[in-house]
C-alpha atoms as a PDB file:
ATOM      1  CA  GLY A   1      16.915 184.923  57.204  1.00  0.00           C
ATOM      2  CA  ARG A   2      20.022 184.877  55.038  1.00  0.00           C
ATOM      3  CA  SER A   3      22.835 182.397  55.499  1.00  0.00           C
ATOM      4  CA  ALA A   4      25.842 183.572  57.445  1.00  0.00           C
ATOM      5  CA  GLY A   5      29.389 182.185  57.760  1.00  0.00           C
ATOM      6  CA  LEU A   6      31.020 181.546  61.112  1.00  0.00           C
ATOM      7  CA  PHE A   7      34.753 181.239  61.300  1.00  0.00           C
ATOM      8  CA  TYR A   8      36.805 179.884  64.170  1.00  0.00           C
ATOM      9  CA  GLU A   9      40.563 179.431  64.338  1.00  0.00           C
ATOM     10  CA  LEU A  10      41.951 176.250  65.889  1.00  0.00           C
ATOM     11  CA  ASP A  11      45.668 176.310  66.721  1.00  0.00           C
ATOM     12  CA  VAL A  12      46.828 172.789  65.816  1.00  0.00           C
ATOM     13  CA  ASN A  13      50.268 173.639  67.250  1.00  0.00           C
ATOM     14  CA  LEU A  14      48.724 172.887  70.618  1.00  0.00           C
ATOM     15  CA  LEU A  15      47.616 169.411  69.579  1.00  0.00           C
ATOM     16  CA  PRO A  16      49.785 166.278  70.030  1.00  0.00           C
ATOM     17  CA  GLU A  17      50.346 164.086  66.986  1.00  0.00           C
ATOM     18  CA  GLY A  18      47.431 161.738  66.305  1.00  0.00           C
ATOM     19  CA  PRO A  19      43.858 161.338  64.876  1.00  0.00           C
ATOM     20  CA  TYR A  20      41.066 163.837  65.729  1.00  0.00           C
ATOM     21  CA  ARG A  21      37.362 164.309  65.008  1.00  0.00           C
ATOM     22  CA  LEU A  22      35.777 167.699  64.728  1.00  0.00           C
ATOM     23  CA  SER A  23      32.086 167.949  65.589  1.00  0.00           C
ATOM     24  CA  LEU A  24      29.920 171.020  64.687  1.00  0.00           C
ATOM     25  CA  ALA A  25      26.228 171.516  65.423  1.00  0.00           C
ATOM     26  CA  PRO A  26      23.866 174.542  65.623  1.00  0.00           C
ATOM     27  CA  LEU A  27      23.102 175.659  69.167  1.00  0.00           C
ATOM     28  CA  ASP A  28      19.365 175.974  68.581  1.00  0.00           C
ATOM     29  CA  GLY A  29      19.112 172.394  67.416  1.00  0.00           C
ATOM     30  CA  GLN A  30      17.885 173.444  63.988  1.00  0.00           C
ATOM     31  CA  GLY A  31      19.742 172.179  60.954  1.00  0.00           C
ATOM     32  CA  ARG A  32      22.333 169.512  60.351  1.00  0.00           C
ATOM     33  CA  GLY A  33      25.601 168.939  62.225  1.00  0.00           C
ATOM     34  CA  VAL A  34      28.927 168.225  60.632  1.00  0.00           C
ATOM     35  CA  LEU A  35      31.594 165.611  61.501  1.00  0.00           C
ATOM     36  CA  ARG A  36      35.080 165.736  60.038  1.00  0.00           C
ATOM     37  CA  ASP A  37      38.104 163.567  60.779  1.00  0.00           C
ATOM     38  CA  PHE A  38      41.645 164.893  60.520  1.00  0.00           C
ATOM     39  CA  SER A  39      45.157 163.911  61.611  1.00  0.00           C
ATOM     40  CA  VAL A  40      48.022 165.913  63.026  1.00  0.00           C
ATOM     41  CA  VAL A  41      51.516 164.814  61.839  1.00  0.00           C
ATOM     42  CA  TRP A  42      54.642 166.423  63.071  1.00  0.00           C
ATOM     43  CA  ARG A  43      57.332 164.365  61.261  1.00  0.00           C
ATOM     44  CA  LEU A  44      58.173 165.117  57.657  1.00  0.00           C
ATOM     45  CA  ALA A  45      59.275 161.507  57.101  1.00  0.00           C
ATOM     46  CA  ASN A  46      55.740 160.334  57.728  1.00  0.00           C
ATOM     47  CA  LEU A  47      54.430 162.468  54.846  1.00  0.00           C
ATOM     48  CA  GLY A  48      56.611 160.493  52.456  1.00  0.00           C
ATOM     49  CA  ARG A  49      55.256 157.137  53.539  1.00  0.00           C
ATOM     50  CA  HIS A  50      52.705 155.688  51.148  1.00  0.00           C
ATOM     51  CA  ARG A  51      49.735 153.867  52.691  1.00  0.00           C
ATOM     52  CA  HIS A  52      50.858 150.450  51.425  1.00  0.00           C
ATOM     53  CA  GLN A  53      54.263 150.995  52.964  1.00  0.00           C
ATOM     54  CA  VAL A  54      52.793 151.789  56.364  1.00  0.00           C
ATOM     55  CA  LEU A  55      50.749 148.614  56.305  1.00  0.00           C
ATOM     56  CA  GLY A  56      53.570 146.493  54.987  1.00  0.00           C
ATOM     57  CA  GLU A  57      56.011 147.876  57.530  1.00  0.00           C
ATOM     58  CA  GLY A  58      53.558 147.249  60.368  1.00  0.00           C
ATOM     59  CA  ARG A  59      52.966 143.661  59.260  1.00  0.00           C
ATOM     60  CA  THR A  60      56.755 143.161  59.151  1.00  0.00           C
ATOM     61  CA  VAL A  61      57.692 144.478  62.580  1.00  0.00           C
ATOM     62  CA  PHE A  62      54.630 143.738  64.759  1.00  0.00           C
ATOM     63  CA  ARG A  63      53.391 140.317  65.879  1.00  0.00           C
ATOM     64  CA  GLY A  64      50.511 138.903  67.911  1.00  0.00           C
ATOM     65  CA  LYS A  65      48.332 141.367  69.793  1.00  0.00           C
ATOM     66  CA  GLU A  66      50.487 144.356  68.704  1.00  0.00           C
ATOM     67  CA  LEU A  67      49.822 143.503  65.109  1.00  0.00           C
ATOM     68  CA  ASP A  68      46.057 143.188  65.777  1.00  0.00           C
ATOM     69  CA  LYS A  69      46.105 146.553  67.487  1.00  0.00           C
ATOM     70  CA  PHE A  70      48.044 148.095  64.574  1.00  0.00           C
ATOM     71  CA  LEU A  71      45.608 146.790  61.926  1.00  0.00           C
ATOM     72  CA  ASP A  72      42.575 147.958  63.914  1.00  0.00           C
ATOM     73  CA  SER A  73      43.961 151.506  64.343  1.00  0.00           C
ATOM     74  CA  SER A  74      43.497 154.616  62.285  1.00  0.00           C
ATOM     75  CA  PRO A  75      46.216 155.673  59.814  1.00  0.00           C
ATOM     76  CA  ALA A  76      47.466 158.324  62.255  1.00  0.00           C
ATOM     77  CA  VAL A  77      47.749 155.875  65.132  1.00  0.00           C
ATOM     78  CA  GLN A  78      49.489 153.391  62.895  1.00  0.00           C
ATOM     79  CA  GLU A  79      52.082 156.073  62.019  1.00  0.00           C
ATOM     80  CA  LYS A  80      52.500 156.814  65.696  1.00  0.00           C
ATOM     81  CA  MET A  81      52.941 153.160  66.577  1.00  0.00           C
ATOM     82  CA  LEU A  82      55.695 152.761  63.957  1.00  0.00           C
ATOM     83  CA  ASP A  83      57.444 155.945  65.161  1.00  0.00           C
ATOM     84  CA  GLU A  84      57.428 154.696  68.742  1.00  0.00           C
ATOM     85  CA  PHE A  85      58.634 151.279  67.679  1.00  0.00           C
ATOM     86  CA  TRP A  86      61.698 152.688  65.804  1.00  0.00           C
ATOM     87  CA  ASP A  87      62.360 155.326  68.430  1.00  0.00           C
ATOM     88  CA  ALA A  88      62.716 152.577  71.040  1.00  0.00           C
ATOM     89  CA  LEU A  89      65.388 150.903  68.859  1.00  0.00           C
ATOM     90  CA  ASN A  90      67.360 154.111  68.219  1.00  0.00           C
ATOM     91  CA  PRO A  91      70.926 153.454  69.520  1.00  0.00           C
ATOM     92  CA  ASP A  92      71.566 157.257  69.944  1.00  0.00           C
ATOM     93  CA  PRO A  93      68.432 159.297  70.729  1.00  0.00           C
ATOM     94  CA  THR A  94      70.509 162.520  70.422  1.00  0.00           C
ATOM     95  CA  ASN A  95      71.233 161.723  66.764  1.00  0.00           C
ATOM     96  CA  PRO A  96      68.528 163.066  64.438  1.00  0.00           C
ATOM     97  CA  VAL A  97      69.205 160.079  62.139  1.00  0.00           C
ATOM     98  CA  ASN A  98      68.047 156.749  63.526  1.00  0.00           C
ATOM     99  CA  GLU A  99      70.709 154.340  62.274  1.00  0.00           C
ATOM    100  CA  VAL A 100      68.538 151.266  62.888  1.00  0.00           C
ATOM    101  CA  TYR A 101      65.606 152.615  60.847  1.00  0.00           C
ATOM    102  CA  LEU A 102      68.007 153.850  58.167  1.00  0.00           C
ATOM    103  CA  GLU A 103      69.393 150.296  57.765  1.00  0.00           C
ATOM    104  CA  PHE A 104      65.849 148.970  57.565  1.00  0.00           C
ATOM    105  CA  GLN A 105      65.201 151.478  54.728  1.00  0.00           C
ATOM    106  CA  TYR A 106      68.364 150.235  52.922  1.00  0.00           C
ATOM    107  CA  ARG A 107      67.152 146.638  53.185  1.00  0.00           C
ATOM    108  CA  LEU A 108      63.685 147.689  52.064  1.00  0.00           C
ATOM    109  CA  ALA A 109      65.032 149.317  48.942  1.00  0.00           C
ATOM    110  CA  TYR A 110      67.042 146.200  48.116  1.00  0.00           C
ATOM    111  CA  VAL A 111      64.025 143.933  48.558  1.00  0.00           C
ATOM    112  CA  ARG A 112      61.924 146.199  46.294  1.00  0.00           C
ATOM    113  CA  GLN A 113      64.554 146.049  43.487  1.00  0.00           C
ATOM    114  CA  PHE A 114      65.988 142.588  43.693  1.00  0.00           C
ATOM    115  CA  LEU A 115      63.892 140.269  45.922  1.00  0.00           C
ATOM    116  CA  GLY A 116      60.389 140.325  44.525  1.00  0.00           C
ATOM    117  CA  GLY A 117      59.105 143.647  45.878  1.00  0.00           C
ATOM    118  CA  PHE A 118      57.298 144.962  48.939  1.00  0.00           C
ATOM    119  CA  GLY A 119      53.666 145.955  49.438  1.00  0.00           C
ATOM    120  CA  GLU A 120      50.904 146.359  51.996  1.00  0.00           C
ATOM    121  CA  PHE A 121      51.315 142.723  53.069  1.00  0.00           C
ATOM    122  CA  GLY A 122      55.058 142.998  53.466  1.00  0.00           C
ATOM    123  CA  ALA A 123      57.727 141.292  51.385  1.00  0.00           C
ATOM    124  CA  ALA A 124      56.342 139.684  48.210  1.00  0.00           C
ATOM    125  CA  ASP A 125      58.406 136.511  48.588  1.00  0.00           C
ATOM    126  CA  ASP A 126      60.124 134.681  51.405  1.00  0.00           C
ATOM    127  CA  ARG A 127      63.617 135.752  50.443  1.00  0.00           C
ATOM    128  CA  GLY A 128      62.608 139.440  50.930  1.00  0.00           C
ATOM    129  CA  GLU A 129      61.152 138.688  54.361  1.00  0.00           C
ATOM    130  CA  LEU A 130      64.336 136.976  55.521  1.00  0.00           C
ATOM    131  CA  PHE A 131      66.537 139.737  54.097  1.00  0.00           C
ATOM    132  CA  LEU A 132      64.516 142.326  56.143  1.00  0.00           C
ATOM    133  CA  MET A 133      64.786 140.142  59.276  1.00  0.00           C
ATOM    134  CA  LEU A 134      68.474 139.117  59.191  1.00  0.00           C
ATOM    135  CA  GLY A 135      70.111 141.167  56.437  1.00  0.00           C
ATOM    136  CA  PRO A 136      72.282 139.725  53.595  1.00  0.00           C
ATOM    137  CA  PRO A 137      73.494 136.158  53.986  1.00  0.00           C
ATOM    138  CA  ASP A 138      77.161 135.329  54.579  1.00  0.00           C
ATOM    139  CA  GLU A 139      77.067 132.665  51.881  1.00  0.00           C
ATOM    140  CA  LEU A 140      74.748 132.420  48.875  1.00  0.00           C
ATOM    141  CA  LYS A 141      74.367 129.598  46.400  1.00  0.00           C
ATOM    142  CA  ILE A 142      72.155 130.341  43.405  1.00  0.00           C
ATOM    143  CA  GLU A 143      71.021 127.898  40.695  1.00  0.00           C
ATOM    144  CA  ARG A 144      68.868 129.686  38.114  1.00  0.00           C
ATOM    145  CA  MET A 145      68.860 126.756  35.713  1.00  0.00           C
ATOM    146  CA  PRO A 146      69.988 123.547  37.448  1.00  0.00           C
ATOM    147  CA  MET A 147      71.791 121.397  34.954  1.00  0.00           C
ATOM    148  CA  ASN A 148      71.615 118.222  37.082  1.00  0.00           C
ATOM    149  CA  GLU A 149      68.487 116.761  38.736  1.00  0.00           C
ATOM    150  CA  MET A 150      70.639 116.192  41.812  1.00  0.00           C
ATOM    151  CA  ASP A 151      71.350 119.850  42.430  1.00  0.00           C
ATOM    152  CA  GLN A 152      68.284 120.528  44.584  1.00  0.00           C
ATOM    153  CA  ASP A 153      68.793 117.253  46.443  1.00  0.00           C
ATOM    154  CA  ASP A 154      72.282 118.338  47.308  1.00  0.00           C
ATOM    155  CA  ALA A 155      71.079 121.698  48.528  1.00  0.00           C
ATOM    156  CA  ARG A 156      68.473 120.050  50.780  1.00  0.00           C
ATOM    157  CA  ILE A 157      71.213 117.921  52.375  1.00  0.00           C
ATOM    158  CA  GLN A 158      73.415 121.030  52.873  1.00  0.00           C
ATOM    159  CA  VAL A 159      70.518 122.694  54.741  1.00  0.00           C
ATOM    160  CA  PHE A 160      70.689 120.062  57.456  1.00  0.00           C
ATOM    161  CA  ASN A 161      74.326 118.960  57.309  1.00  0.00           C
ATOM    162  CA  ARG A 162      76.932 121.749  57.200  1.00  0.00           C
ATOM    163  CA  PHE A 163      79.681 119.254  56.318  1.00  0.00           C
ATOM    164  CA  ALA A 164      77.976 118.168  53.106  1.00  0.00           C
ATOM    165  CA  PRO A 165      80.342 118.892  50.215  1.00  0.00           C
ATOM    166  CA  ASP A 166      79.730 120.872  47.066  1.00  0.00           C
ATOM    167  CA  ARG A 167      79.523 118.405  44.160  1.00  0.00           C
ATOM    168  CA  GLU A 168      80.110 120.401  41.018  1.00  0.00           C
ATOM    169  CA  GLY A 169      79.178 119.061  37.600  1.00  0.00           C
ATOM    170  CA  SER A 170      77.283 115.860  36.804  1.00  0.00           C
ATOM    171  CA  TRP A 171      79.885 113.169  37.093  1.00  0.00           C
ATOM    172  CA  ALA A 172      80.714 113.950  40.777  1.00  0.00           C
ATOM    173  CA  LYS A 173      77.023 113.456  41.673  1.00  0.00           C
ATOM    174  CA  GLY A 174      76.961 109.901  40.459  1.00  0.00           C
ATOM    175  CA  ASP A 175      75.348 108.028  37.590  1.00  0.00           C
ATOM    176  CA  PRO A 176      72.290 105.757  37.836  1.00  0.00           C
ATOM    177  CA  ALA A 177      72.904 102.060  37.967  1.00  0.00           C
ATOM    178  CA  GLU A 178      72.900 100.505  34.514  1.00  0.00           C
ATOM    179  CA  GLY A 179      69.492  99.347  33.324  1.00  0.00           C
ATOM    180  CA  THR A 180      67.440 101.365  35.819  1.00  0.00           C
ATOM    181  CA  SER A 181      65.323 104.462  35.329  1.00  0.00           C
ATOM    182  CA  GLU A 182      65.058 105.284  39.003  1.00  0.00           C
ATOM    183  CA  PRO A 183      65.977 108.841  40.057  1.00  0.00           C
ATOM    184  CA  LEU A 184      69.506 109.321  41.177  1.00  0.00           C
ATOM    185  CA  ASN A 185      70.202 108.702  44.824  1.00  0.00           C
ATOM    186  CA  PRO A 186      72.433 111.435  46.353  1.00  0.00           C
ATOM    187  CA  TYR A 187      73.921 108.908  48.775  1.00  0.00           C
ATOM    188  CA  ASP A 188      75.078 106.457  46.067  1.00  0.00           C
ATOM    189  CA  THR A 189      78.774 106.183  45.294  1.00  0.00           C
ATOM    190  CA  ILE A 190      78.201 104.875  41.797  1.00  0.00           C
ATOM    191  CA  GLY A 191      80.477 106.922  39.624  1.00  0.00           C
ATOM    192  CA  GLY A 192      80.699 109.894  41.892  1.00  0.00           C
ATOM    193  CA  LEU A 193      81.144 111.604  45.258  1.00  0.00           C
ATOM    194  CA  PRO A 194      78.597 110.506  47.926  1.00  0.00           C
ATOM    195  CA  MET A 195      76.825 112.847  50.330  1.00  0.00           C
ATOM    196  CA  PRO A 196      76.429 112.308  54.078  1.00  0.00           C
ATOM    197  CA  ASN A 197      73.059 110.789  54.969  1.00  0.00           C
ATOM    198  CA  SER A 198      70.344 113.230  56.048  1.00  0.00           C
ATOM    199  CA  PHE A 199      67.052 112.015  57.527  1.00  0.00           C
ATOM    200  CA  HIS A 200      65.359 115.408  57.228  1.00  0.00           C
ATOM    201  CA  ALA A 201      66.570 115.908  53.616  1.00  0.00           C
ATOM    202  CA  GLU A 202      65.528 112.363  52.571  1.00  0.00           C
ATOM    203  CA  ARG A 203      62.058 112.839  54.007  1.00  0.00           C
ATOM    204  CA  GLU A 204      61.595 116.077  52.074  1.00  0.00           C
ATOM    205  CA  ARG A 205      63.133 114.575  48.970  1.00  0.00           C
ATOM    206  CA  GLY A 206      60.629 111.717  49.112  1.00  0.00           C
ATOM    207  CA  ALA A 207      57.788 114.236  48.891  1.00  0.00           C
ATOM    208  CA  LYS A 208      59.453 116.424  46.167  1.00  0.00           C
ATOM    209  CA  ARG A 209      61.290 113.956  43.937  1.00  0.00           C
ATOM    210  CA  TYR A 210      58.402 113.544  41.462  1.00  0.00           C
ATOM    211  CA  SER A 211      57.202 117.087  41.546  1.00  0.00           C
ATOM    212  CA  ALA A 212      57.926 119.551  38.720  1.00  0.00           C
ATOM    213  CA  THR A 213      59.706 121.932  41.066  1.00  0.00           C
ATOM    214  CA  HIS A 214      62.372 119.324  41.820  1.00  0.00           C
ATOM    215  CA  THR A 215      64.427 120.707  38.973  1.00  0.00           C
ATOM    216  CA  TYR A 216      63.403 124.360  39.298  1.00  0.00           C
ATOM    217  CA  ALA A 217      65.634 127.287  40.244  1.00  0.00           C
ATOM    218  CA  PHE A 218      66.626 127.599  43.895  1.00  0.00           C
ATOM    219  CA  GLU A 219      68.760 129.651  46.258  1.00  0.00           C
ATOM    220  CA  LEU A 220      70.572 128.420  49.416  1.00  0.00           C
ATOM    221  CA  TRP A 221      71.188 131.140  52.003  1.00  0.00           C
ATOM    222  CA  VAL A 222      73.673 130.611  54.882  1.00  0.00           C
ATOM    223  CA  TYR A 223      74.135 132.813  57.966  1.00  0.00           C
ATOM    224  CA  HIS A 224      77.292 131.644  59.717  1.00  0.00           C
ATOM    225  CA  ASN A 225      76.849 133.942  62.749  1.00  0.00           C
ATOM    226  CA  GLY A 226      73.074 134.173  62.972  1.00  0.00           C
ATOM    227  CA  GLY A 227      72.637 137.239  60.760  1.00  0.00           C
ATOM    228  CA  HIS A 228      72.039 140.839  61.894  1.00  0.00           C
ATOM    229  CA  ASP A 229      68.520 141.329  63.225  1.00  0.00           C
ATOM    230  CA  LEU A 230      67.322 144.890  63.698  1.00  0.00           C
ATOM    231  CA  PHE A 231      64.438 143.839  65.950  1.00  0.00           C
ATOM    232  CA  LEU A 232      63.158 140.652  67.524  1.00  0.00           C
ATOM    233  CA  ASN A 233      61.545 138.373  64.939  1.00  0.00           C
ATOM    234  CA  ARG A 234      60.868 134.704  64.315  1.00  0.00           C
ATOM    235  CA  PHE A 235      64.406 134.146  63.079  1.00  0.00           C
ATOM    236  CA  SER A 236      66.126 135.965  65.931  1.00  0.00           C
ATOM    237  CA  GLN A 237      68.474 134.252  68.364  1.00  0.00           C
ATOM    238  CA  ARG A 238      68.296 130.862  66.631  1.00  0.00           C
ATOM    239  CA  GLY A 239      72.008 130.164  66.939  1.00  0.00           C
ATOM    240  CA  MET A 240      74.801 130.043  64.379  1.00  0.00           C
ATOM    241  CA  GLY A 241      74.913 128.326  61.019  1.00  0.00           C
ATOM    242  CA  GLN A 242      71.361 129.112  59.916  1.00  0.00           C
ATOM    243  CA  ARG A 243      70.566 127.705  56.443  1.00  0.00           C
ATOM    244  CA  PHE A 244      67.532 128.354  54.227  1.00  0.00           C
ATOM    245  CA  LEU A 245      66.510 126.818  50.926  1.00  0.00           C
ATOM    246  CA  PHE A 246      64.234 128.873  48.623  1.00  0.00           C
ATOM    247  CA  VAL A 247      62.648 127.264  45.547  1.00  0.00           C
ATOM    248  CA  ASP A 248      61.051 129.087  42.604  1.00  0.00           C
ATOM    249  CA  ARG A 249      57.844 127.077  42.473  1.00  0.00           C
ATOM    250  CA  THR A 250      56.206 128.950  39.631  1.00  0.00           C
ATOM    251  CA  GLY A 251      59.217 129.399  37.356  1.00  0.00           C
ATOM    252  CA  ALA A 252      58.495 133.148  37.433  1.00  0.00           C
ATOM    253  CA  GLY A 253      60.784 134.239  40.219  1.00  0.00           C
ATOM    254  CA  ASP A 254      58.403 133.669  43.140  1.00  0.00           C
ATOM    255  CA  TYR A 255      60.644 132.044  45.683  1.00  0.00           C
ATOM    256  CA  VAL A 256      59.177 130.081  48.627  1.00  0.00           C
ATOM    257  CA  LEU A 257      61.062 128.909  51.749  1.00  0.00           C
ATOM    258  CA  GLU A 258      60.981 125.079  51.531  1.00  0.00           C
ATOM    259  CA  SER A 259      63.681 123.956  53.980  1.00  0.00           C
ATOM    260  CA  SER A 260      65.533 125.389  56.968  1.00  0.00           C
ATOM    261  CA  ASN A 261      67.540 123.934  59.805  1.00  0.00           C
ATOM    262  CA  VAL A 262      66.142 126.768  61.948  1.00  0.00           C
ATOM    263  CA  MET A 263      62.713 125.144  61.785  1.00  0.00           C
ATOM    264  CA  GLN A 264      63.733 121.473  61.930  1.00  0.00           C
ATOM    265  CA  GLY A 265      67.199 121.453  63.439  1.00  0.00           C
ATOM    266  CA  ASP A 266      70.620 120.180  62.366  1.00  0.00           C
ATOM    267  CA  GLU A 267      71.634 116.555  61.992  1.00  0.00           C
END
């Protein structure tokens, strides 16, 4: 009538990587059974992945039905899906170091430190997402404290017209006509250098000109040769001369993608 212990050794070396469920029950049907879930992991790199990184990485590289499958899977299956994804992109399977995944890790570290961070939903702001997708831009224009209310207007025009000039300072951007309080028009030649007309930029400017963010910090990213994508994504194979305008809408460093010739086309 006393309790007794029963021990059984299970050699996990015979099990493929993945999730498992162990079920135990008394043979006579008396008493309670036990269910336990466990995972088998064979890659040391997976042990260093935090849960939020696994989810963020999956949301970054998967799309559509693959993303749905990833989010519905167990943690072990999610790890396996990511391993298979990066293995398929390995340029040299005989090399123990996957150069493509290593580059992704470099980009991830940069995003964490300089571009808003990275969590379970991926990059915290749109700059970080683009950096992960295409790498560093070939040309970068940053205005942390625009000194002229025309600066953001000029950047919008440059998004859609690659021949638009850089108009440094305030005089080159023109002065308002005497006796008027209307916002400056970037196409006016009054006292300064005019910009080429842009239908797309003017349409956006009409919606933004009276908003508080019209004078907020912004960044203009330019990829002359289409960037360097590590895997197919929504910015892949969109041609040369890609340009993206990010605006800090909150004033706290949270940049949002507001304009891009990739989405609307050049003029």
